[in-house]
Every structure is written in C-alpha cells, then in structure tokens.
Protein backbone atom coordinates (compact mmCIF):
# COMPACT_ATOMS: atom_id res chain seq x y z
CA MET A 1 -0.02 0.07 0.12
CA LYS A 2 2.60 2.34 -0.96
CA TYR A 3 -0.27 5.00 -1.40
CA ALA A 4 -1.18 4.99 2.28
CA LYS A 5 2.83 5.54 3.26
CA ARG A 6 2.28 9.05 3.57
CA SER A 7 3.62 10.71 6.94
CA ILE A 8 1.19 11.73 9.48
CA THR A 9 1.37 15.51 8.68
CA SER A 10 0.84 14.88 5.25
CA SER A 11 -2.16 12.93 6.13
CA ILE A 12 -3.79 15.27 8.62
CA LEU A 13 -3.30 18.31 5.98
CA LEU A 14 -4.62 16.29 3.01
CA ILE A 15 -7.64 15.56 5.22
CA CYS A 16 -8.52 19.03 6.68
CA PHE A 17 -7.96 20.55 2.89
CA CYS A 18 -10.48 18.39 1.80
CA LEU A 19 -12.74 18.93 4.49
CA LEU A 20 -12.58 22.65 3.71
CA GLN A 21 -13.34 22.30 0.18
CA PRO A 22 -17.12 22.17 -0.39
CA LEU A 23 -18.18 19.54 -3.16
CA PRO A 24 -20.38 20.63 -5.77
CA GLY A 25 -24.29 20.17 -5.32
CA ASN A 26 -24.75 17.25 -7.71
CA ALA A 27 -21.28 15.44 -6.55
CA ARG A 28 -22.77 15.66 -2.94
CA GLN A 29 -25.85 14.18 -4.06
CA ALA A 30 -23.88 11.42 -6.00
CA THR A 31 -21.23 10.87 -3.11
CA ARG A 32 -24.52 10.38 -0.46
CA ALA A 33 -26.39 7.88 -2.97
CA THR A 34 -23.35 5.83 -3.39
CA ALA A 35 -22.75 5.98 0.28
CA SER A 36 -26.30 4.53 0.66
CA GLN A 37 -26.00 1.78 -2.17
CA ALA A 38 -22.17 0.71 -1.63
CA ALA A 39 -22.84 -2.73 -1.61
CA GLN A 40 -24.78 -2.70 -4.91
CA GLN A 41 -23.36 -2.92 -8.42
CA PRO A 42 -24.36 -0.03 -10.53
CA ASP A 43 -27.18 -1.07 -13.31
CA VAL A 44 -25.11 -0.27 -16.12
CA ARG A 45 -22.20 -1.91 -18.47
CA PRO A 46 -19.95 -0.18 -20.28
CA ASN A 47 -20.69 0.68 -23.61
CA ILE A 48 -18.34 -0.48 -26.51
CA GLN A 49 -20.31 2.77 -29.08
CA THR A 50 -18.78 5.47 -26.55
CA LEU A 51 -15.42 4.60 -27.53
CA PRO A 52 -13.51 5.58 -30.81
CA PRO A 53 -13.51 3.12 -33.44
CA GLU A 54 -9.75 2.38 -33.19
CA LEU A 55 -10.39 1.35 -29.65
CA ARG A 56 -13.53 -0.56 -29.46
CA GLU A 57 -11.67 -3.72 -30.41
CA ARG A 58 -9.39 -3.55 -27.36
CA GLY A 59 -12.64 -2.28 -25.47
CA GLN A 60 -14.35 -5.41 -26.45
CA ALA A 61 -11.45 -7.62 -25.52
CA LEU A 62 -11.26 -6.22 -22.02
CA LEU A 63 -14.76 -7.05 -21.35
CA ASN A 64 -14.48 -10.56 -22.79
CA GLU A 65 -11.51 -11.50 -20.63
CA LYS A 66 -11.92 -13.28 -17.51
CA ASP A 67 -8.18 -12.63 -15.66
CA ALA A 68 -8.15 -9.71 -14.19
CA GLN A 69 -4.68 -8.70 -14.18
CA GLN A 70 -4.90 -9.05 -18.25
CA ARG A 71 -8.04 -6.71 -17.63
CA ALA A 72 -5.86 -4.02 -16.11
CA LYS A 73 -3.05 -4.29 -18.74
CA LEU A 74 -5.80 -3.60 -21.62
CA ALA A 75 -7.28 -0.53 -19.60
CA GLY A 76 -3.73 0.91 -18.94
CA GLU A 77 -3.05 0.45 -22.86
CA MET A 78 -6.25 2.12 -23.56
CA ILE A 79 -5.88 4.99 -21.33
CA ALA A 80 -2.25 5.73 -22.71
CA ALA A 81 -3.63 5.57 -26.48
CA ASP A 82 -6.17 7.91 -26.11
CA PRO A 83 -7.08 8.96 -22.94
CA ARG A 84 -9.77 11.54 -23.93
CA GLY A 85 -11.53 8.92 -25.86
CA ALA A 86 -11.28 6.34 -23.35
CA LEU A 87 -12.70 8.44 -20.81
CA ASP A 88 -16.15 7.71 -20.37
CA PHE A 89 -15.84 3.88 -21.04
CA MET A 90 -12.97 3.32 -18.60
CA LEU A 91 -14.84 5.28 -15.63
CA THR A 92 -18.01 2.95 -16.25
CA VAL A 93 -15.58 -0.05 -16.12
CA PHE A 94 -14.01 1.57 -12.94
CA ALA A 95 -17.87 1.72 -11.25
CA THR A 96 -18.50 -1.92 -12.65
CA ASP A 97 -15.27 -4.10 -12.46
CA PRO A 98 -15.04 -5.90 -9.27
CA ALA A 99 -11.25 -6.23 -9.43
CA VAL A 100 -8.89 -4.04 -7.54
CA ALA A 101 -6.25 -3.98 -10.10
CA VAL A 102 -8.32 -2.77 -12.96
CA ARG A 103 -10.09 -0.05 -10.56
CA ARG A 104 -6.24 1.24 -9.27
CA VAL A 105 -5.30 1.51 -12.84
CA VAL A 106 -7.77 3.66 -13.95
CA ILE A 107 -7.48 6.04 -10.97
CA TYR A 108 -3.58 6.19 -11.64
CA ALA A 109 -3.74 6.42 -15.60
CA PHE A 110 -6.17 9.36 -15.48
CA GLY A 111 -5.09 11.08 -12.28
CA ARG A 112 -1.03 11.44 -13.49
CA ARG A 113 -2.69 13.26 -16.45
CA PRO A 114 -3.29 16.82 -15.30
CA ASN A 115 -5.58 17.70 -18.50
CA PHE A 116 -7.95 14.82 -18.03
CA SER A 117 -7.70 14.76 -13.79
CA SER A 118 -9.58 18.16 -13.71
CA GLN A 119 -12.60 16.29 -15.89
CA PRO A 120 -15.89 16.81 -14.04
CA ARG A 121 -16.87 13.38 -14.42
CA PHE A 122 -13.48 12.01 -13.11
CA VAL A 123 -13.35 14.42 -10.39
CA GLN A 124 -16.79 13.06 -9.14
CA THR A 125 -15.63 9.66 -9.34
CA LEU A 126 -12.46 10.41 -7.29
CA GLU A 127 -14.99 11.96 -4.40
CA ARG A 128 -17.43 8.74 -4.43
CA CYS A 129 -14.40 6.86 -4.43
CA VAL A 130 -12.91 8.19 -1.30
CA ALA A 131 -16.23 8.03 0.27
CA THR A 132 -16.89 4.30 -0.74
CA GLU A 133 -14.09 2.60 -2.07
CA PRO A 134 -13.84 -0.89 -0.42
CA ASP A 135 -10.18 -1.14 -1.00
CA ALA A 136 -8.54 1.56 1.50
CA ASP A 137 -5.42 2.00 -0.78
CA ILE A 138 -7.37 2.83 -3.89
CA ALA A 139 -9.53 5.32 -1.47
CA VAL A 140 -6.07 6.90 -0.57
CA LEU A 141 -5.13 6.91 -3.91
CA ALA A 142 -8.06 9.09 -5.02
CA LEU A 143 -7.66 11.13 -2.52
CA ASP A 144 -4.19 11.97 -3.13
CA LYS A 145 -5.21 12.76 -7.00
CA LEU A 146 -8.14 14.70 -5.52
CA ARG A 147 -5.94 16.76 -3.55
CA ALA A 148 -3.30 17.35 -6.53
CA HIS A 149 -6.23 18.42 -8.67
CA ARG A 150 -7.67 21.09 -6.28
CA MET A 151 -4.20 22.35 -5.39
CA ARG A 152 -3.41 22.43 -9.01
CA GLU A 153 -6.29 24.95 -9.69
CA LEU A 154 -5.15 27.00 -6.90
CA ARG A 155 -1.50 27.24 -7.93
CA LYS A 156 -2.69 28.51 -11.21
CA LEU A 157 -3.94 31.63 -9.54
CA LEU A 158 -0.36 32.29 -8.25
CA THR A 159 1.35 31.29 -11.79
CA ARG A 160 -0.69 34.06 -13.24
CA ARG A 161 0.61 36.57 -10.64
CA VAL A 162 4.02 35.15 -10.90
CA GLU A 163 3.87 35.71 -14.79
CA ALA A 164 2.93 39.22 -14.69
CA ALA A 165 5.58 39.78 -11.91
CA ARG A 166 8.17 38.10 -14.69
CA GLN A 167 7.15 40.63 -17.43
CA LYS A 168 6.90 43.46 -15.16
CA ASN A 169 3.39 44.01 -15.76
CA ASP A 170 1.64 44.15 -12.39
CA PRO A 171 1.78 47.40 -11.03
CA ARG A 172 2.57 46.00 -7.63
CA TYR A 173 6.07 44.65 -9.03
CA ASP A 174 9.47 45.06 -7.49
CA GLU A 175 12.59 42.65 -7.17
CA ALA A 176 11.33 41.79 -3.43
CA ALA A 177 7.87 40.99 -4.20
CA PHE A 178 9.23 38.92 -7.17
CA ARG A 179 11.34 36.90 -4.89
CA LEU A 180 8.68 36.44 -2.46
CA LEU A 181 6.14 35.26 -5.04
CA ALA A 182 8.98 33.01 -6.48
CA GLN A 183 9.63 31.15 -3.16
CA GLU A 184 5.66 30.97 -2.78
CA ASP A 185 5.75 29.27 -5.89
CA GLU A 186 8.03 26.64 -4.93
CA ARG A 187 6.07 25.91 -1.90
CA TRP A 188 3.17 25.07 -4.36
CA ILE A 189 4.94 22.83 -6.33
CA SER A 190 5.48 20.40 -3.25
CA LEU A 191 2.08 21.06 -2.36
CA VAL A 192 0.68 20.21 -6.16
CA ARG A 193 3.04 17.05 -5.59
CA GLY A 194 2.03 16.10 -2.26
CA THR A 195 5.69 15.92 -1.03
CA MET A 196 6.45 16.79 2.44
CA LEU A 197 9.70 18.79 1.77
CA PRO A 198 10.16 22.03 4.39
CA ALA A 199 11.32 25.32 3.25
CA PHE A 200 14.56 24.74 5.08
CA LEU A 201 15.57 21.43 3.28
CA ARG A 202 14.99 23.32 -0.18
CA THR A 203 17.11 26.24 0.46
CA PRO A 204 20.62 25.63 -1.15
CA PRO A 205 23.60 26.12 0.73
CA PRO A 206 26.20 28.79 -0.53
CA VAL A 207 28.91 27.59 -2.89
CA PHE A 208 31.51 25.32 -1.37
CA SER A 209 34.71 23.74 -2.62
CA LEU A 210 35.91 19.99 -2.94
CA LYS A 211 38.94 20.62 -4.59
CA PRO A 212 41.56 23.75 -4.63
CA ALA A 213 41.25 25.70 -8.09
CA GLY A 214 44.55 24.77 -9.66
CA GLY A 215 45.04 21.53 -11.09
CA ARG A 216 42.82 18.73 -12.66
CA VAL A 217 39.90 17.28 -11.73
CA ARG A 218 38.39 13.61 -12.51
CA VAL A 219 34.83 12.62 -12.17
CA MET A 220 32.54 9.62 -12.70
CA ALA A 221 28.75 10.05 -13.35
CA LEU A 222 25.60 7.98 -13.69
CA GLY A 223 21.76 8.17 -13.90
CA ASP A 224 18.67 5.92 -13.81
CA PHE A 225 20.46 3.15 -11.62
CA GLY A 226 18.74 2.57 -8.29
CA MET A 227 16.81 -0.60 -10.03
CA GLY A 228 16.30 -3.29 -7.83
CA ALA A 229 15.67 -6.73 -9.11
CA GLU A 230 12.34 -6.13 -10.68
CA HIS A 231 11.66 -3.21 -8.79
CA ASN A 232 10.06 -3.73 -5.40
CA ARG A 233 12.68 -6.70 -4.44
CA ARG A 234 15.59 -5.59 -1.83
CA MET A 235 18.46 -6.34 -4.12
CA ALA A 236 20.09 -4.46 -6.89
CA GLY A 237 19.09 -5.49 -10.45
CA GLU A 238 21.92 -7.41 -12.34
CA ALA A 239 22.80 -4.34 -14.60
CA GLN A 240 23.19 -2.11 -12.12
CA GLN A 241 25.48 -4.35 -10.38
CA LYS A 242 27.75 -4.72 -13.56
CA VAL A 243 27.83 -1.00 -14.03
CA ALA A 244 28.60 -0.49 -10.23
CA ALA A 245 31.54 -3.10 -10.71
CA ALA A 246 32.88 -1.43 -13.73
CA MET A 247 32.96 1.69 -11.84
CA LEU A 248 34.80 0.04 -8.95
CA ARG A 249 37.66 -1.07 -11.49
CA THR A 250 38.07 2.00 -12.91
CA GLN A 251 38.27 3.80 -9.53
CA GLN A 252 40.82 1.18 -8.56
CA GLU A 253 43.26 1.46 -11.87
CA ARG A 254 42.59 5.49 -12.35
CA PRO A 255 40.88 7.03 -9.25
CA CYS A 256 38.05 10.09 -9.54
CA ASP A 257 37.79 12.55 -6.94
CA PHE A 258 34.05 12.39 -6.54
CA GLY A 259 31.00 11.34 -8.27
CA LEU A 260 27.84 12.83 -9.68
CA THR A 261 24.21 11.20 -10.11
CA PHE A 262 21.71 12.35 -12.97
CA GLY A 263 18.54 11.10 -10.82
CA ASP A 264 16.18 8.55 -10.83
CA ASN A 265 18.24 7.35 -7.97
CA PHE A 266 15.77 4.46 -6.79
CA TYR A 267 12.80 2.95 -8.58
CA PRO A 268 9.83 2.64 -8.50
CA ASP A 269 9.45 5.53 -5.86
CA GLY A 270 12.21 6.82 -4.57
CA MET A 271 13.05 6.17 -0.69
CA GLU A 272 10.42 6.20 2.11
CA SER A 273 12.91 7.38 5.00
CA PRO A 274 16.42 7.70 5.68
CA ARG A 275 16.20 4.24 7.20
CA ASP A 276 14.83 2.61 4.23
CA VAL A 277 16.49 -0.75 4.17
CA ARG A 278 16.75 -0.59 0.36
CA TRP A 279 20.09 2.25 1.29
CA ARG A 280 22.32 -0.71 1.93
CA THR A 281 21.59 -2.73 -1.23
CA LEU A 282 20.44 -0.31 -3.57
CA TRP A 283 23.53 2.05 -2.43
CA SER A 284 25.86 1.75 0.22
CA GLU A 285 26.93 -1.81 -0.78
CA LEU A 286 27.21 -1.02 -4.37
CA TYR A 287 29.18 2.57 -4.17
CA ASP A 288 30.64 2.85 -0.58
CA PRO A 289 33.34 0.59 -2.09
CA LEU A 290 34.61 3.31 -4.41
CA GLY A 291 35.74 5.44 -1.67
CA ILE A 292 34.18 8.78 -3.21
CA ARG A 293 31.68 10.87 -2.52
CA PHE A 294 28.37 10.98 -4.70
CA TYR A 295 26.94 14.39 -5.26
CA ALA A 296 23.18 13.59 -6.29
CA SER A 297 20.24 15.36 -7.91
CA LEU A 298 16.50 14.37 -8.02
CA GLY A 299 14.91 12.37 -10.96
CA ASN A 300 11.05 12.03 -11.25
CA HIS A 301 10.85 8.52 -9.13
CA ASP A 302 12.65 9.95 -6.49
CA TRP A 303 9.75 12.27 -6.27
CA HIS A 304 6.67 9.69 -6.07
CA LEU A 305 6.79 8.85 -2.43
CA ALA A 306 5.63 12.07 -0.13
CA ASP A 307 8.83 11.90 1.92
CA SER A 308 11.24 10.55 -0.72
CA PRO A 309 12.94 14.01 -1.67
CA ALA A 310 13.41 14.62 2.04
CA ALA A 311 14.68 10.89 2.84
CA GLU A 312 17.63 11.46 0.31
CA LEU A 313 18.36 14.81 1.39
CA LEU A 314 18.87 13.82 5.06
CA TYR A 315 20.56 10.62 4.31
CA SER A 316 23.59 12.89 3.58
CA ARG A 317 23.97 13.09 7.36
CA GLN A 318 24.70 9.59 8.01
CA SER A 319 26.37 8.24 4.74
CA THR A 320 29.92 8.26 3.75
CA SER A 321 29.35 8.31 0.17
CA TRP A 322 25.87 10.18 -0.62
CA ARG A 323 25.51 13.94 -0.72
CA MET A 324 22.79 15.90 -1.38
CA PRO A 325 22.92 19.54 0.31
CA ALA A 326 19.40 20.47 -1.42
CA PRO A 327 17.21 19.92 -4.27
CA TYR A 328 19.66 22.20 -6.04
CA TYR A 329 23.04 23.57 -5.19
CA THR A 330 26.40 24.27 -6.52
CA PHE A 331 30.28 23.64 -5.98
CA THR A 332 33.80 24.03 -7.30
CA ALA A 333 36.37 21.42 -7.92
CA GLY A 334 39.59 22.17 -9.91
CA PRO A 335 38.82 24.42 -12.62
CA VAL A 336 34.91 23.36 -12.76
CA GLN A 337 31.78 24.85 -11.45
CA PHE A 338 29.17 22.12 -10.92
CA PHE A 339 25.84 23.13 -10.67
CA ALA A 340 22.88 20.60 -9.62
CA LEU A 341 19.62 21.16 -10.44
CA ASP A 342 16.03 19.58 -9.87
CA THR A 343 14.25 19.47 -13.08
CA ASN A 344 11.13 17.87 -12.26
CA GLU A 345 9.77 21.38 -12.05
CA VAL A 346 12.38 24.42 -12.57
CA SER A 347 10.82 26.94 -10.16
CA GLU A 348 11.13 30.45 -10.44
CA ALA A 349 13.18 30.60 -7.35
CA GLN A 350 15.52 27.94 -8.65
CA LEU A 351 15.96 29.96 -11.87
CA LEU A 352 16.94 33.34 -9.91
CA TRP A 353 19.55 31.04 -7.74
CA LEU A 354 20.84 29.54 -11.01
CA ASN A 355 21.24 32.96 -13.04
CA GLU A 356 22.90 34.62 -9.92
CA ALA A 357 24.96 31.43 -9.68
CA ILE A 358 26.18 31.36 -12.92
CA SER A 359 26.94 35.22 -12.68
CA ALA A 360 29.21 34.97 -9.78
CA SER A 361 31.04 31.98 -11.02
CA ARG A 362 34.78 32.68 -11.71
CA ALA A 363 35.38 28.81 -12.86
CA ARG A 364 37.06 28.06 -16.09
CA TRP A 365 34.51 25.46 -16.75
CA LYS A 366 30.78 25.64 -15.70
CA VAL A 367 28.98 22.23 -15.63
CA VAL A 368 25.16 22.02 -15.25
CA TYR A 369 23.66 18.71 -14.36
CA GLY A 370 19.89 17.18 -13.52
CA HIS A 371 17.59 14.56 -14.55
CA HIS A 372 15.66 15.81 -17.52
CA PRO A 373 17.60 16.15 -20.75
CA ILE A 374 17.15 19.43 -22.58
CA TYR A 375 17.64 17.68 -26.13
CA SER A 376 17.74 14.39 -26.64
CA ALA A 377 17.46 11.60 -29.35
CA GLY A 378 15.53 9.03 -26.80
CA GLN A 379 12.23 7.66 -25.98
CA HIS A 380 11.26 10.79 -23.96
CA GLY A 381 12.55 13.37 -26.75
CA ASN A 382 13.35 16.87 -26.12
CA THR A 383 11.88 18.41 -23.09
CA ASN A 384 10.32 21.71 -24.36
CA VAL A 385 9.73 23.58 -20.68
CA LEU A 386 13.39 23.39 -20.44
CA ILE A 387 14.12 24.61 -23.81
CA GLU A 388 12.07 27.47 -23.24
CA ARG A 389 12.84 28.53 -19.38
CA LEU A 390 16.43 27.02 -18.86
CA LEU A 391 18.49 26.73 -21.85
CA PRO A 392 18.29 30.55 -22.46
CA LEU A 393 20.09 31.00 -18.83
CA LEU A 394 22.81 28.53 -19.80
CA LYS A 395 23.66 29.85 -23.64
CA ASP A 396 27.03 31.26 -23.82
CA ARG A 397 27.56 30.96 -20.02
CA VAL A 398 27.87 27.41 -19.54
CA ASP A 399 30.11 24.72 -21.22
CA ALA A 400 27.88 21.44 -20.99
CA TYR A 401 24.56 20.32 -19.67
CA PHE A 402 24.63 16.52 -18.11
CA ALA A 403 21.43 14.71 -17.75
CA GLY A 404 19.80 11.05 -17.01
CA HIS A 405 15.93 10.27 -17.78
CA GLU A 406 16.70 8.58 -21.07
CA HIS A 407 17.96 5.05 -20.51
CA ASP A 408 20.77 5.39 -22.87
CA LEU A 409 23.87 7.33 -23.44
CA GLN A 410 24.21 10.23 -25.83
CA HIS A 411 26.04 13.31 -26.78
CA LEU A 412 24.40 16.13 -28.97
CA LYS A 413 25.20 19.25 -30.93
CA PRO A 414 25.70 22.11 -28.75
CA GLU A 415 23.77 24.92 -29.05
CA GLY A 416 24.97 28.48 -27.74
CA GLY A 417 28.35 27.26 -26.63
CA VAL A 418 26.22 24.27 -24.53
CA HIS A 419 26.86 20.71 -25.10
CA PHE A 420 24.57 18.41 -24.17
CA PHE A 421 25.12 14.49 -22.67
CA ILE A 422 22.80 12.17 -21.13
CA GLY A 423 24.05 9.16 -18.92
CA GLY A 424 21.03 7.05 -18.25
CA GLY A 425 22.40 3.65 -18.26
CA GLY A 426 23.04 3.18 -14.51
CA GLY A 427 20.93 -0.04 -14.32
CA ALA A 428 17.45 0.73 -15.33
CA LYS A 429 16.06 -1.22 -18.32
CA ILE A 430 17.64 0.10 -21.53
CA ARG A 431 15.50 1.72 -24.28
CA GLY A 432 15.71 2.20 -28.04
CA ILE A 433 17.21 5.53 -29.30
CA ASP A 434 16.92 7.44 -32.64
CA ARG A 435 20.25 7.48 -34.35
CA SER A 436 19.24 9.56 -37.11
CA ALA A 437 18.11 12.17 -34.98
CA GLU A 438 19.49 15.74 -36.27
CA ARG A 439 21.01 16.60 -32.92
CA SER A 440 22.56 13.59 -32.11
CA LEU A 441 26.34 13.08 -32.28
CA PHE A 442 26.51 9.87 -30.48
CA ALA A 443 23.62 7.78 -29.09
CA ARG A 444 23.93 3.89 -27.68
CA SER A 445 21.44 1.86 -26.13
CA ALA A 446 23.95 0.35 -23.53
CA TYR A 447 24.65 0.01 -19.68
CA GLY A 448 27.34 2.37 -18.56
CA PHE A 449 28.62 5.50 -16.87
CA ILE A 450 30.43 8.53 -17.61
CA THR A 451 33.86 10.06 -16.66
CA LEU A 452 34.65 13.90 -16.55
CA GLU A 453 38.27 14.86 -16.69
CA ALA A 454 39.20 18.83 -16.71
CA ASP A 455 42.22 21.22 -16.66
CA ALA A 456 42.49 24.63 -17.69
CA ASN A 457 42.43 24.26 -21.02
CA THR A 458 40.58 20.86 -21.76
CA LEU A 459 37.40 19.09 -20.82
CA THR A 460 37.00 15.04 -21.79
CA VAL A 461 34.09 13.33 -21.37
CA LYS A 462 34.23 9.53 -21.86
CA PHE A 463 31.37 7.00 -22.06
CA VAL A 464 32.49 3.84 -20.28
CA GLY A 465 30.56 0.23 -20.66
CA THR A 466 30.63 -2.45 -18.23
CA ASP A 467 33.35 -3.98 -19.57
CA LEU A 468 35.45 -1.03 -19.28
CA LYS A 469 35.79 -0.13 -22.65
CA ALA A 470 35.26 3.48 -24.06
CA LEU A 471 32.22 3.76 -26.08
CA TYR A 472 32.95 7.48 -26.87
CA GLU A 473 35.04 10.13 -26.37
CA TYR A 474 34.70 13.77 -26.53
CA THR A 475 37.01 16.82 -25.73
CA LEU A 476 36.07 20.55 -25.11
CA ARG A 477 38.64 22.71 -25.39
CA LYS A 478 39.87 26.34 -24.22
CA ASN A 479 43.14 28.38 -25.36
CA GLY A 480 45.26 30.02 -22.92
CA ALA A 481 45.58 30.15 -19.40
CA PRO A 482 42.69 30.95 -17.18
C-alpha cells in the first residue's frame, strides 16, 4: 500500500484540505447516493459505442477477458493510447469491474494526467471513491489525486501572478515582491505534488569547494540506476551491479575525485525514509567501496513517495558516500564549477538562484547537471519546458549540460556553446534511441557510466561500458591560461 505510506503530517493536511473544500451540489448528491448503496453494483455496463473506432476492439477484449491482471493491462493500454476517447468507457469500467487491479489502473492512469484529472466526471468519481471504495489503498490514491487537482487549480492563481511579475506588467512589481512570489511558487510545487519538503531543506547552501582551483579534476557520473530486481525486491538488479562493478574497477585503476548522479536514484518511487533498508542494497553496498562521495540530483521517480526527496536529502547526514545538500546547489572542484538542478519542475526561485550563481562564478569551466535532458534522441525526446526556460540561462555562459531520464548514452550538438550529454545507463532497463535524430553526435542503447576530466584548457567526457571499454570520447577545449 505504497500510496497509504504518507507521513502523519501529510495525511492530516490532506484530510483538512479536503474537508474545507465544499463539494458541488451534484457531487454531494452522488456521494450520498453511492454511500447508501455501496453494496449494490450499478445497473449499467460499459458501452463499446462510446469508444473511438480504433479502441473498440481492445475495449471488447477487455469486457471478454476473465483474468483481472489482463483486464488491468488492457485498461492501461487504452488510456495511454487515447485518454480523452477512453474516459467515459473506462469510468464505467471503474464503476462495474470488481477487480482491485483494474480500478487502481483507472484512477492512477487518469490521475497522472493533469488535463484529464480535472474532468468533472473524473473528479466526481474520485469523490465517490474516497467515500465508498472498499479497497483502502485505492481510496487513498483517489484522495491524493483529488488533492493534486484542487491544489493545481489554486496554484494557477499564483502562476498568473508570477507571470505578471516576471513581465513587469504588474503595477505592484518590485524585486523583493517577485522573490517572495517565486519562493511561494516553489512551496506550491511541493503542495501540488504532495511532497513533504520543508523550506529549510529546499534552501541551497552557499557555494562550497571540493578541490582547490589549480590542477586537474576527475569525476565519474551515472543516472537511472537504483533499479532493484523487478523494482520492489530488496536486491539491486543485475545491470546495476555490473555498472557498479565497472565503476569500482575504474576507480581502482585510475581514481576519480568524486561522483555525480543524474537522478532516478531509486526505483520505482524513491525512498520512504533515511532508514529505508534499500539504502544498503541499492546504494551503500554498491558505491561505498569506491571510496568517494557522490553529489546527487533528484529524478522524477525520486519524487513519487511523499517523503522521498526529504529522505534523500537527510541521508547525507549518515552516509560516507552520498551527498545531497539541497534539491539544487553548486560547488567548485579544480577548474570546474558544478551546478546541480532539480529539473522535475524548474521553479522561478531555482531559476533566480541559478542565474545569480552562474553570474558569480569565476570558474574556468561551468557544468550544469540534472535529471531531464534539454535535447534528446531517446524515447522521451526534447524537454520543451527546459528549452524555453532553462536553456536561455545557459547559452554562452555554460560549457556542458548533463542529464539522465533517457535510459541510454548520448551526446548532442551544442547550442549557444552548451554541449548536451545524457548518461542514463546506470541500471534501469535500456531503451531504444533514434540514431538519425538531427542533433545526435553519439547515441548508444547500452549500460555504462561517464567519466569527466578537466584541467585549465580541456574538459574530456568519456562514456564507459560495463566491460570498461570506452564507447565514446569527446574533448572540449579552451585556449590560453585561465
């Protein structure tokens, strides 16, 4: 019951918020009617004719299927293929199918899509589900989706105010007011996501140094690695173990100063607490032997559980190898300044901080890293919001941007002097890539990690496979002394 594993504080906030929100009249009536007839099956069957023609065959297969898990799989496929076209049919399936697996898929699949989670009929379904659903896990999941919907609607008010302040069209705009609005916007990101991340854990520390400015620095990095065998088991997956073993051999032969992570550190939902037993099997047993510290960033899977971001931040206090001072932060090492980002939703406050941190940097090389790629030839493709909001801050100011998210290894053509590297081969299931993509300089569906080595005049990025062979190498150059 992972959706029931919320902190006590989180649960109280959710319940209080929902109690304070009056239901529409028709929803109140529907909820009362459902509560009084909870034991009765609705006298209605899903109507194939409500589906678009291209979904009707799958819809009929779902109705004919006897196995609940197969019905759940078909339901998920139909919603993924055409959520708008499947909505009415699947909500009727939710009301009539006795299988918990099927009902959970319907709530989760629509609830994770903001454009559909606000549909009036789906909202009413969530309200009835909270009141009458026999399975407590599904009821809590429905409550969480309902909270996200209502918080999202409220956040839109703040977003409009922030946008007006950004454009300086608001007559009440001044720098102090804008910073206040930006900080509040960041807090509302956590409220919408249902993540308990207090302000003191979100605040980045001042820039710190790992190695004096002179000389060379050598780093290893990986993303999308904390897999575990078949997700929920306690042991690391075979691919993750092979990558970790290759990293250890590399460290023994030619040591690195420290490491980086590009997020999706722990699948499928992050960590429940700093004491989660998976810290041992998915992190310390594999990476402590390297004898270096890794400076981590958050991926989308690290945000799934309400307490996961805080757990990953606080684990820094008890680990010899794991460091995450804040969701975003910056540090120097030799001739390089590194800027770790939380790209799950780039807040206005984070952009203000990054702009000022880059402006203040005197480092020879500037490297930014986070989870989501700006450009990609992989399954997810380009991240448009990062192209629009983050890339303008990096152009002609930063040398390289590193990311994960795509379960592959890539180098893409630079823009505005920024080279784009993706190192998502740390252990999660490898995905296909488009080698013909316009921006692609190198792309490989392979497990592996990255080494980065820099001095005053060169910065070399190498992709290393599990057999320790170099899959690709590229050197950025600067002439003259710093």
